[in-house]
Amino acid sequence: MTTLLSRRRLPLAGVRARVHRPLLGARLSGVAIPGHVVGSWLLDTMATTVLASVRDTGVLLEGEGRFLVSPQDPETFLTALASAGATVVT
């Protein structure tokens, strides 16, 4: 996964992935400018690293940490995650 400033690798063994729309959100650190939302957030009262173009919807990855990303095509992304070993929750 490549962010604005760096590249991050997430082990997919044991990761649960699903489409998610956070109900609550507050930024702890990071930036939220048009087209880029990067940083640590409390989403639905849980610490979450957000690496996305929007914060209000995306794919939530839960495993060694909690990450919200916003792929261009969420369904294709979930299919790719499943084939790489993640558990997709519908």
C-alpha atoms as a PDB file:
ATOM      1  CA  MET A   1       0.000   0.000   0.000  1.00  0.00           C
ATOM      2  CA  THR A   2       1.524   3.331  -1.014  1.00  0.00           C
ATOM      3  CA  THR A   3       0.598   6.513   0.824  1.00  0.00           C
ATOM      4  CA  LEU A   4       1.412  10.107   0.030  1.00  0.00           C
ATOM      5  CA  LEU A   5       4.792   9.864   1.787  1.00  0.00           C
ATOM      6  CA  SER A   6       5.671   6.205   2.189  1.00  0.00           C
ATOM      7  CA  ARG A   7       4.930   2.579   1.405  1.00  0.00           C
ATOM      8  CA  ARG A   8       3.373   0.234   3.948  1.00  0.00           C
ATOM      9  CA  ARG A   9       3.093  -3.552   3.939  1.00  0.00           C
ATOM     10  CA  LEU A  10       0.279  -5.332   5.750  1.00  0.00           C
ATOM     11  CA  PRO A  11       0.429  -9.077   6.359  1.00  0.00           C
ATOM     12  CA  LEU A  12      -2.910 -10.490   5.143  1.00  0.00           C
ATOM     13  CA  ALA A  13      -2.933 -13.770   7.093  1.00  0.00           C
ATOM     14  CA  GLY A  14      -5.674 -13.402   9.698  1.00  0.00           C
ATOM     15  CA  VAL A  15      -6.908 -10.050   8.354  1.00  0.00           C
ATOM     16  CA  ARG A  16     -10.654  -9.448   8.136  1.00  0.00           C
ATOM     17  CA  ALA A  17     -11.774  -7.084   5.368  1.00  0.00           C
ATOM     18  CA  ARG A  18     -15.153  -5.496   4.701  1.00  0.00           C
ATOM     19  CA  VAL A  19     -16.801  -2.445   3.199  1.00  0.00           C
ATOM     20  CA  HIS A  20     -17.332   0.041   6.006  1.00  0.00           C
ATOM     21  CA  ARG A  21     -19.042   3.389   6.593  1.00  0.00           C
ATOM     22  CA  PRO A  22     -17.863   4.814   9.931  1.00  0.00           C
ATOM     23  CA  LEU A  23     -20.653   6.341  12.000  1.00  0.00           C
ATOM     24  CA  LEU A  24     -18.403   8.475  14.214  1.00  0.00           C
ATOM     25  CA  GLY A  25     -14.968   9.907  13.566  1.00  0.00           C
ATOM     26  CA  ALA A  26     -12.413  12.206  15.150  1.00  0.00           C
ATOM     27  CA  ARG A  27      -8.872  12.888  13.959  1.00  0.00           C
ATOM     28  CA  LEU A  28      -6.093  12.190  16.456  1.00  0.00           C
ATOM     29  CA  SER A  29      -3.216  13.123  14.130  1.00  0.00           C
ATOM     30  CA  GLY A  30      -2.605  13.461  10.422  1.00  0.00           C
ATOM     31  CA  VAL A  31      -4.111  15.502   7.622  1.00  0.00           C
ATOM     32  CA  ALA A  32      -7.467  15.791   5.947  1.00  0.00           C
ATOM     33  CA  ILE A  33      -7.211  17.835   2.772  1.00  0.00           C
ATOM     34  CA  PRO A  34      -9.335  17.399  -0.346  1.00  0.00           C
ATOM     35  CA  GLY A  35      -8.431  14.048  -1.900  1.00  0.00           C
ATOM     36  CA  HIS A  36      -6.150  12.879   0.948  1.00  0.00           C
ATOM     37  CA  VAL A  37      -7.076  11.624   4.404  1.00  0.00           C
ATOM     38  CA  VAL A  38      -4.039  10.189   6.172  1.00  0.00           C
ATOM     39  CA  GLY A  39      -3.415   9.655   9.854  1.00  0.00           C
ATOM     40  CA  SER A  40      -4.724   8.236  13.082  1.00  0.00           C
ATOM     41  CA  TRP A  41      -8.448   8.567  13.692  1.00  0.00           C
ATOM     42  CA  LEU A  42     -10.985   7.327  16.201  1.00  0.00           C
ATOM     43  CA  LEU A  43     -13.586   5.742  13.942  1.00  0.00           C
ATOM     44  CA  ASP A  44     -16.579   4.246  15.719  1.00  0.00           C
ATOM     45  CA  THR A  45     -14.628   4.729  18.998  1.00  0.00           C
ATOM     46  CA  MET A  46     -11.702   2.543  17.842  1.00  0.00           C
ATOM     47  CA  ALA A  47      -8.212   3.720  16.862  1.00  0.00           C
ATOM     48  CA  THR A  48      -7.871   3.395  13.074  1.00  0.00           C
ATOM     49  CA  THR A  49      -5.135   4.301  10.615  1.00  0.00           C
ATOM     50  CA  VAL A  50      -6.760   5.993   7.641  1.00  0.00           C
ATOM     51  CA  LEU A  51      -5.014   5.924   4.248  1.00  0.00           C
ATOM     52  CA  ALA A  52      -7.738   7.117   1.927  1.00  0.00           C
ATOM     53  CA  SER A  53      -9.077   9.726  -0.421  1.00  0.00           C
ATOM     54  CA  VAL A  54     -12.265  10.015   1.681  1.00  0.00           C
ATOM     55  CA  ARG A  55     -12.996   9.151   5.313  1.00  0.00           C
ATOM     56  CA  ASP A  56     -16.716   8.451   5.182  1.00  0.00           C
ATOM     57  CA  THR A  57     -16.566   5.109   3.331  1.00  0.00           C
ATOM     58  CA  GLY A  58     -13.977   2.527   2.389  1.00  0.00           C
ATOM     59  CA  VAL A  59     -12.632  -0.931   3.064  1.00  0.00           C
ATOM     60  CA  LEU A  60     -11.793  -1.676   6.682  1.00  0.00           C
ATOM     61  CA  LEU A  61      -8.904  -4.068   7.333  1.00  0.00           C
ATOM     62  CA  GLU A  62      -8.738  -5.513  10.846  1.00  0.00           C
ATOM     63  CA  GLY A  63      -5.808  -7.638  11.959  1.00  0.00           C
ATOM     64  CA  GLU A  64      -2.555  -6.327  13.387  1.00  0.00           C
ATOM     65  CA  GLY A  65      -4.141  -2.911  13.677  1.00  0.00           C
ATOM     66  CA  ARG A  66      -7.141  -1.361  12.014  1.00  0.00           C
ATOM     67  CA  PHE A  67      -6.876   0.379   8.639  1.00  0.00           C
ATOM     68  CA  LEU A  68      -9.440   2.173   6.472  1.00  0.00           C
ATOM     69  CA  VAL A  69      -8.513   2.516   2.799  1.00  0.00           C
ATOM     70  CA  SER A  70     -10.553   3.775  -0.138  1.00  0.00           C
ATOM     71  CA  PRO A  71      -9.794   1.740  -3.265  1.00  0.00           C
ATOM     72  CA  GLN A  72     -11.253   2.901  -6.554  1.00  0.00           C
ATOM     73  CA  ASP A  73     -13.176  -0.390  -6.926  1.00  0.00           C
ATOM     74  CA  PRO A  74     -13.927  -1.871  -3.457  1.00  0.00           C
ATOM     75  CA  GLU A  75     -15.405  -5.152  -4.748  1.00  0.00           C
ATOM     76  CA  THR A  76     -12.367  -5.925  -6.915  1.00  0.00           C
ATOM     77  CA  PHE A  77     -10.099  -4.970  -4.013  1.00  0.00           C
ATOM     78  CA  LEU A  78     -11.964  -7.344  -1.669  1.00  0.00           C
ATOM     79  CA  THR A  79     -11.692 -10.149  -4.241  1.00  0.00           C
ATOM     80  CA  ALA A  80      -7.927  -9.561  -4.487  1.00  0.00           C
ATOM     81  CA  LEU A  81      -7.612  -9.541  -0.681  1.00  0.00           C
ATOM     82  CA  ALA A  82      -9.505 -12.838  -0.457  1.00  0.00           C
ATOM     83  CA  SER A  83      -7.236 -14.477  -3.028  1.00  0.00           C
ATOM     84  CA  ALA A  84      -4.210 -13.214  -1.061  1.00  0.00           C
ATOM     85  CA  GLY A  85      -5.406 -14.848   2.173  1.00  0.00           C
ATOM     86  CA  ALA A  86      -7.620 -12.291   3.912  1.00  0.00           C
ATOM     87  CA  THR A  87     -11.082 -13.172   5.206  1.00  0.00           C
ATOM     88  CA  VAL A  88     -13.731 -11.049   3.505  1.00  0.00           C
ATOM     89  CA  VAL A  89     -16.776 -10.355   5.660  1.00  0.00           C
ATOM     90  CA  THR A  90     -20.022  -9.381   3.948  1.00  0.00           C
END
